[in-house]
Amino acid sequence: MSDKEQRQFVSLGVAVLTISDTRTESTDTSGSLLVERLTGAGHELRDRAIVRDDVYAIRATLSRWIADPQIEVVICTGGTGVTGRDGTPEAVSVLLDKEISGFGEIFRAISFDDIGTSSLQSRCLAGVANGTYVFCLPGSTNACIMGWDQIIASQLDNRTRPCNLAELIPRLEE
């Protein structure tokens, strides 16, 4: 029996934030995909919201969630590009206690295989804010598939070896 089979899965409380000026609950395919993936993996959806591409609206929702002890992970989608309305990195980065630089690096490397040099336009990021993991993905559904399936899912699974982010949650506020 493998180490992963021996360890018991630990479900995490996750919130999903879509940043968009145009999406609604019925048109938010990226947010819906993330909800499907995280609940399908055994995690619990604690909250979900859509906010406009506004630094203060993003910070308000994210601040509320990182203060909630039932939310251990926040996954944001949208607003990571370079246009004037793309403000997710600016909204989120000031709330982070620590940035997880490797997330953006790995995401862009994986994305390069799919979309080539267009991957440099993504300013996705991740970090820890008040003991809560925060992941910021681009708004495209394909980017959310790639980010969840190839990076986030295994790092939120406490059975992943040699190590994972989930097992560090009890130590994030040391």
C-alpha atoms as a PDB file:
ATOM      1  CA  MET A   1       0.000   0.000   0.000  1.00  0.00           C
ATOM      2  CA  SER A   2       1.422   3.409  -0.984  1.00  0.00           C
ATOM      3  CA  ASP A   3       1.957   6.251   1.466  1.00  0.00           C
ATOM      4  CA  LYS A   4      -0.872   8.193  -0.221  1.00  0.00           C
ATOM      5  CA  GLU A   5      -3.254   5.275   0.269  1.00  0.00           C
ATOM      6  CA  GLN A   6      -2.278   5.004   3.950  1.00  0.00           C
ATOM      7  CA  ARG A   7      -2.915   8.644   4.798  1.00  0.00           C
ATOM      8  CA  GLN A   8      -6.468   9.805   5.380  1.00  0.00           C
ATOM      9  CA  PHE A   9      -7.624  12.708   3.184  1.00  0.00           C
ATOM     10  CA  VAL A  10      -8.262  15.987   5.026  1.00  0.00           C
ATOM     11  CA  SER A  11     -11.000  18.177   3.573  1.00  0.00           C
ATOM     12  CA  LEU A  12     -10.288  21.916   3.497  1.00  0.00           C
ATOM     13  CA  GLY A  13     -12.685  24.866   3.581  1.00  0.00           C
ATOM     14  CA  VAL A  14     -12.372  26.762   0.297  1.00  0.00           C
ATOM     15  CA  ALA A  15     -13.894  29.975  -1.062  1.00  0.00           C
ATOM     16  CA  VAL A  16     -13.992  30.913  -4.760  1.00  0.00           C
ATOM     17  CA  LEU A  17     -13.818  34.530  -5.896  1.00  0.00           C
ATOM     18  CA  THR A  18     -14.468  35.516  -9.502  1.00  0.00           C
ATOM     19  CA  ILE A  19     -13.206  38.962 -10.471  1.00  0.00           C
ATOM     20  CA  SER A  20     -15.127  40.288 -13.473  1.00  0.00           C
ATOM     21  CA  ASP A  21     -17.094  43.293 -14.648  1.00  0.00           C
ATOM     22  CA  THR A  22     -19.268  41.164 -16.905  1.00  0.00           C
ATOM     23  CA  ARG A  23     -19.768  37.663 -15.470  1.00  0.00           C
ATOM     24  CA  THR A  24     -22.851  36.599 -13.581  1.00  0.00           C
ATOM     25  CA  GLU A  25     -23.504  33.396 -11.662  1.00  0.00           C
ATOM     26  CA  SER A  26     -24.952  31.818 -14.817  1.00  0.00           C
ATOM     27  CA  THR A  27     -22.022  32.865 -17.056  1.00  0.00           C
ATOM     28  CA  ASP A  28     -19.183  32.276 -14.588  1.00  0.00           C
ATOM     29  CA  THR A  29     -17.798  29.102 -16.151  1.00  0.00           C
ATOM     30  CA  SER A  30     -14.394  29.489 -14.489  1.00  0.00           C
ATOM     31  CA  GLY A  31     -15.805  29.856 -10.986  1.00  0.00           C
ATOM     32  CA  SER A  32     -18.201  26.966 -11.579  1.00  0.00           C
ATOM     33  CA  LEU A  33     -15.377  24.768 -12.812  1.00  0.00           C
ATOM     34  CA  LEU A  34     -13.310  25.504  -9.693  1.00  0.00           C
ATOM     35  CA  VAL A  35     -16.287  24.696  -7.461  1.00  0.00           C
ATOM     36  CA  GLU A  36     -16.819  21.393  -9.308  1.00  0.00           C
ATOM     37  CA  ARG A  37     -13.143  20.486  -9.067  1.00  0.00           C
ATOM     38  CA  LEU A  38     -12.690  21.338  -5.396  1.00  0.00           C
ATOM     39  CA  THR A  39     -15.888  19.649  -4.225  1.00  0.00           C
ATOM     40  CA  GLY A  40     -15.152  16.672  -6.468  1.00  0.00           C
ATOM     41  CA  ALA A  41     -11.783  16.361  -4.737  1.00  0.00           C
ATOM     42  CA  GLY A  42     -13.530  16.251  -1.350  1.00  0.00           C
ATOM     43  CA  HIS A  43     -13.063  19.826  -0.165  1.00  0.00           C
ATOM     44  CA  GLU A  44     -15.913  21.971   1.168  1.00  0.00           C
ATOM     45  CA  LEU A  45     -17.080  25.127  -0.589  1.00  0.00           C
ATOM     46  CA  ARG A  46     -17.436  27.690   2.215  1.00  0.00           C
ATOM     47  CA  ASP A  47     -18.354  30.702   0.070  1.00  0.00           C
ATOM     48  CA  ARG A  48     -18.438  31.968  -3.487  1.00  0.00           C
ATOM     49  CA  ALA A  49     -18.701  35.482  -4.864  1.00  0.00           C
ATOM     50  CA  ILE A  50     -18.341  37.540  -8.009  1.00  0.00           C
ATOM     51  CA  VAL A  51     -16.910  41.039  -7.595  1.00  0.00           C
ATOM     52  CA  ARG A  52     -16.158  43.710 -10.146  1.00  0.00           C
ATOM     53  CA  ASP A  53     -12.604  44.372 -11.281  1.00  0.00           C
ATOM     54  CA  ASP A  54     -12.014  46.916  -8.528  1.00  0.00           C
ATOM     55  CA  VAL A  55      -9.069  46.743  -6.120  1.00  0.00           C
ATOM     56  CA  TYR A  56     -11.167  47.717  -3.093  1.00  0.00           C
ATOM     57  CA  ALA A  57     -14.064  45.371  -3.888  1.00  0.00           C
ATOM     58  CA  ILE A  58     -11.586  42.502  -4.254  1.00  0.00           C
ATOM     59  CA  ARG A  59      -9.825  43.396  -0.994  1.00  0.00           C
ATOM     60  CA  ALA A  60     -13.094  43.722   0.917  1.00  0.00           C
ATOM     61  CA  THR A  61     -14.248  40.215   0.034  1.00  0.00           C
ATOM     62  CA  LEU A  62     -10.810  38.670   0.417  1.00  0.00           C
ATOM     63  CA  SER A  63     -10.270  40.397   3.788  1.00  0.00           C
ATOM     64  CA  ARG A  64     -13.549  39.004   5.095  1.00  0.00           C
ATOM     65  CA  TRP A  65     -12.615  35.506   3.968  1.00  0.00           C
ATOM     66  CA  ILE A  66      -9.066  35.491   5.333  1.00  0.00           C
ATOM     67  CA  ALA A  67     -10.508  36.540   8.710  1.00  0.00           C
ATOM     68  CA  ASP A  68     -12.908  33.562   8.692  1.00  0.00           C
ATOM     69  CA  PRO A  69     -11.347  30.542  10.441  1.00  0.00           C
ATOM     70  CA  GLN A  70     -13.605  28.202   8.409  1.00  0.00           C
ATOM     71  CA  ILE A  71     -11.909  29.289   5.160  1.00  0.00           C
ATOM     72  CA  GLU A  72      -8.445  27.818   4.752  1.00  0.00           C
ATOM     73  CA  VAL A  73      -8.035  28.464   1.025  1.00  0.00           C
ATOM     74  CA  VAL A  74      -9.260  31.149  -1.370  1.00  0.00           C
ATOM     75  CA  ILE A  75      -9.070  30.642  -5.114  1.00  0.00           C
ATOM     76  CA  CYS A  76      -9.543  33.752  -7.240  1.00  0.00           C
ATOM     77  CA  THR A  77     -10.110  33.758 -10.980  1.00  0.00           C
ATOM     78  CA  GLY A  78      -9.803  36.791 -13.229  1.00  0.00           C
ATOM     79  CA  GLY A  79      -8.092  40.154 -13.294  1.00  0.00           C
ATOM     80  CA  THR A  80      -4.525  38.860 -13.623  1.00  0.00           C
ATOM     81  CA  GLY A  81      -3.783  40.317 -17.056  1.00  0.00           C
ATOM     82  CA  VAL A  82      -2.111  43.592 -17.978  1.00  0.00           C
ATOM     83  CA  THR A  83      -5.005  45.806 -19.060  1.00  0.00           C
ATOM     84  CA  GLY A  84      -6.099  48.846 -17.103  1.00  0.00           C
ATOM     85  CA  ARG A  85      -8.977  46.956 -15.438  1.00  0.00           C
ATOM     86  CA  ASP A  86      -6.815  43.993 -14.356  1.00  0.00           C
ATOM     87  CA  GLY A  87      -6.119  44.700 -10.688  1.00  0.00           C
ATOM     88  CA  THR A  88      -6.167  41.357  -8.900  1.00  0.00           C
ATOM     89  CA  PRO A  89      -2.406  41.190  -8.160  1.00  0.00           C
ATOM     90  CA  GLU A  90      -2.440  44.749  -6.807  1.00  0.00           C
ATOM     91  CA  ALA A  91      -5.496  44.027  -4.659  1.00  0.00           C
ATOM     92  CA  VAL A  92      -4.183  40.749  -3.275  1.00  0.00           C
ATOM     93  CA  SER A  93      -0.437  41.280  -2.890  1.00  0.00           C
ATOM     94  CA  VAL A  94      -0.749  43.874  -0.100  1.00  0.00           C
ATOM     95  CA  LEU A  95      -2.799  41.400   1.958  1.00  0.00           C
ATOM     96  CA  LEU A  96      -0.234  38.601   1.694  1.00  0.00           C
ATOM     97  CA  ASP A  97       2.086  37.844   4.591  1.00  0.00           C
ATOM     98  CA  LYS A  98       4.155  35.596   2.329  1.00  0.00           C
ATOM     99  CA  GLU A  99       4.156  35.119  -1.418  1.00  0.00           C
ATOM    100  CA  ILE A 100       4.526  31.649  -2.928  1.00  0.00           C
ATOM    101  CA  SER A 101       6.582  32.724  -5.958  1.00  0.00           C
ATOM    102  CA  GLY A 102       6.820  29.218  -7.377  1.00  0.00           C
ATOM    103  CA  PHE A 103       3.093  29.125  -8.081  1.00  0.00           C
ATOM    104  CA  GLY A 104       3.209  31.851 -10.735  1.00  0.00           C
ATOM    105  CA  GLU A 105       6.452  30.497 -12.133  1.00  0.00           C
ATOM    106  CA  ILE A 106       5.102  26.959 -12.486  1.00  0.00           C
ATOM    107  CA  PHE A 107       1.766  28.169 -13.857  1.00  0.00           C
ATOM    108  CA  ARG A 108       3.450  30.222 -16.586  1.00  0.00           C
ATOM    109  CA  ALA A 109       5.800  27.328 -17.442  1.00  0.00           C
ATOM    110  CA  ILE A 110       2.860  24.925 -17.827  1.00  0.00           C
ATOM    111  CA  SER A 111       0.876  27.571 -19.693  1.00  0.00           C
ATOM    112  CA  PHE A 112       3.766  28.133 -22.103  1.00  0.00           C
ATOM    113  CA  ASP A 113       3.313  24.576 -23.391  1.00  0.00           C
ATOM    114  CA  ASP A 114      -0.309  25.447 -24.196  1.00  0.00           C
ATOM    115  CA  ILE A 115      -0.291  29.078 -25.373  1.00  0.00           C
ATOM    116  CA  GLY A 116       3.378  29.870 -26.001  1.00  0.00           C
ATOM    117  CA  THR A 117       4.747  33.288 -25.215  1.00  0.00           C
ATOM    118  CA  SER A 118       1.258  34.629 -24.497  1.00  0.00           C
ATOM    119  CA  SER A 119       1.779  33.045 -21.063  1.00  0.00           C
ATOM    120  CA  LEU A 120       3.956  36.013 -20.085  1.00  0.00           C
ATOM    121  CA  GLN A 121       0.803  38.141 -19.866  1.00  0.00           C
ATOM    122  CA  SER A 122      -0.408  36.219 -16.814  1.00  0.00           C
ATOM    123  CA  ARG A 123       0.338  37.830 -13.480  1.00  0.00           C
ATOM    124  CA  CYS A 124      -1.138  34.953 -11.477  1.00  0.00           C
ATOM    125  CA  LEU A 125       0.178  34.593  -7.952  1.00  0.00           C
ATOM    126  CA  ALA A 126      -0.283  32.796  -4.669  1.00  0.00           C
ATOM    127  CA  GLY A 127       0.582  33.356  -1.050  1.00  0.00           C
ATOM    128  CA  VAL A 128      -0.476  33.170   2.566  1.00  0.00           C
ATOM    129  CA  ALA A 129      -2.634  35.836   4.225  1.00  0.00           C
ATOM    130  CA  ASN A 130      -3.563  35.477   7.888  1.00  0.00           C
ATOM    131  CA  GLY A 131      -2.974  31.724   7.759  1.00  0.00           C
ATOM    132  CA  THR A 132      -5.101  31.305   4.606  1.00  0.00           C
ATOM    133  CA  TYR A 133      -3.759  30.204   1.236  1.00  0.00           C
ATOM    134  CA  VAL A 134      -4.725  32.537  -1.605  1.00  0.00           C
ATOM    135  CA  PHE A 135      -4.365  31.485  -5.250  1.00  0.00           C
ATOM    136  CA  CYS A 136      -5.018  33.929  -8.107  1.00  0.00           C
ATOM    137  CA  LEU A 137      -5.642  32.377 -11.500  1.00  0.00           C
ATOM    138  CA  PRO A 138      -6.436  33.978 -14.856  1.00  0.00           C
ATOM    139  CA  GLY A 139     -10.107  34.234 -15.760  1.00  0.00           C
ATOM    140  CA  SER A 140     -10.182  31.768 -18.635  1.00  0.00           C
ATOM    141  CA  THR A 141     -11.755  28.407 -17.934  1.00  0.00           C
ATOM    142  CA  ASN A 142      -8.785  26.671 -19.563  1.00  0.00           C
ATOM    143  CA  ALA A 143      -6.392  28.485 -17.200  1.00  0.00           C
ATOM    144  CA  CYS A 144      -8.501  27.360 -14.225  1.00  0.00           C
ATOM    145  CA  ILE A 145      -8.433  23.763 -15.454  1.00  0.00           C
ATOM    146  CA  MET A 146      -4.668  23.933 -15.839  1.00  0.00           C
ATOM    147  CA  GLY A 147      -4.109  25.646 -12.486  1.00  0.00           C
ATOM    148  CA  TRP A 148      -6.348  23.284 -10.522  1.00  0.00           C
ATOM    149  CA  ASP A 149      -5.493  20.025 -12.259  1.00  0.00           C
ATOM    150  CA  GLN A 150      -1.749  20.512 -12.550  1.00  0.00           C
ATOM    151  CA  ILE A 151      -0.837  22.497  -9.425  1.00  0.00           C
ATOM    152  CA  ILE A 152      -3.469  23.325  -6.819  1.00  0.00           C
ATOM    153  CA  ALA A 153      -5.254  19.961  -6.494  1.00  0.00           C
ATOM    154  CA  SER A 154      -2.155  18.038  -5.461  1.00  0.00           C
ATOM    155  CA  GLN A 155      -0.911  20.781  -3.145  1.00  0.00           C
ATOM    156  CA  LEU A 156      -4.251  20.855  -1.302  1.00  0.00           C
ATOM    157  CA  ASP A 157      -4.166  17.072  -0.889  1.00  0.00           C
ATOM    158  CA  ASN A 158      -2.413  16.218   2.360  1.00  0.00           C
ATOM    159  CA  ARG A 159      -1.518  12.805   0.924  1.00  0.00           C
ATOM    160  CA  THR A 160       0.747  14.247  -1.811  1.00  0.00           C
ATOM    161  CA  ARG A 161       4.382  13.305  -1.325  1.00  0.00           C
ATOM    162  CA  PRO A 162       7.075  14.382  -0.734  1.00  0.00           C
ATOM    163  CA  CYS A 163       5.241  17.415   0.632  1.00  0.00           C
ATOM    164  CA  ASN A 164       2.192  19.612   0.128  1.00  0.00           C
ATOM    165  CA  LEU A 165       0.718  22.915   1.268  1.00  0.00           C
ATOM    166  CA  ALA A 166      -2.258  21.318   3.044  1.00  0.00           C
ATOM    167  CA  GLU A 167      -0.136  19.680   5.723  1.00  0.00           C
ATOM    168  CA  LEU A 168       1.414  23.057   6.593  1.00  0.00           C
ATOM    169  CA  ILE A 169      -1.882  24.767   7.467  1.00  0.00           C
ATOM    170  CA  PRO A 170      -1.555  24.173  11.230  1.00  0.00           C
ATOM    171  CA  ARG A 171       1.835  25.909  11.139  1.00  0.00           C
ATOM    172  CA  LEU A 172       1.034  28.940   8.981  1.00  0.00           C
ATOM    173  CA  GLU A 173       0.496  31.289  11.909  1.00  0.00           C
ATOM    174  CA  GLU A 174       3.488  30.218  14.040  1.00  0.00           C
END
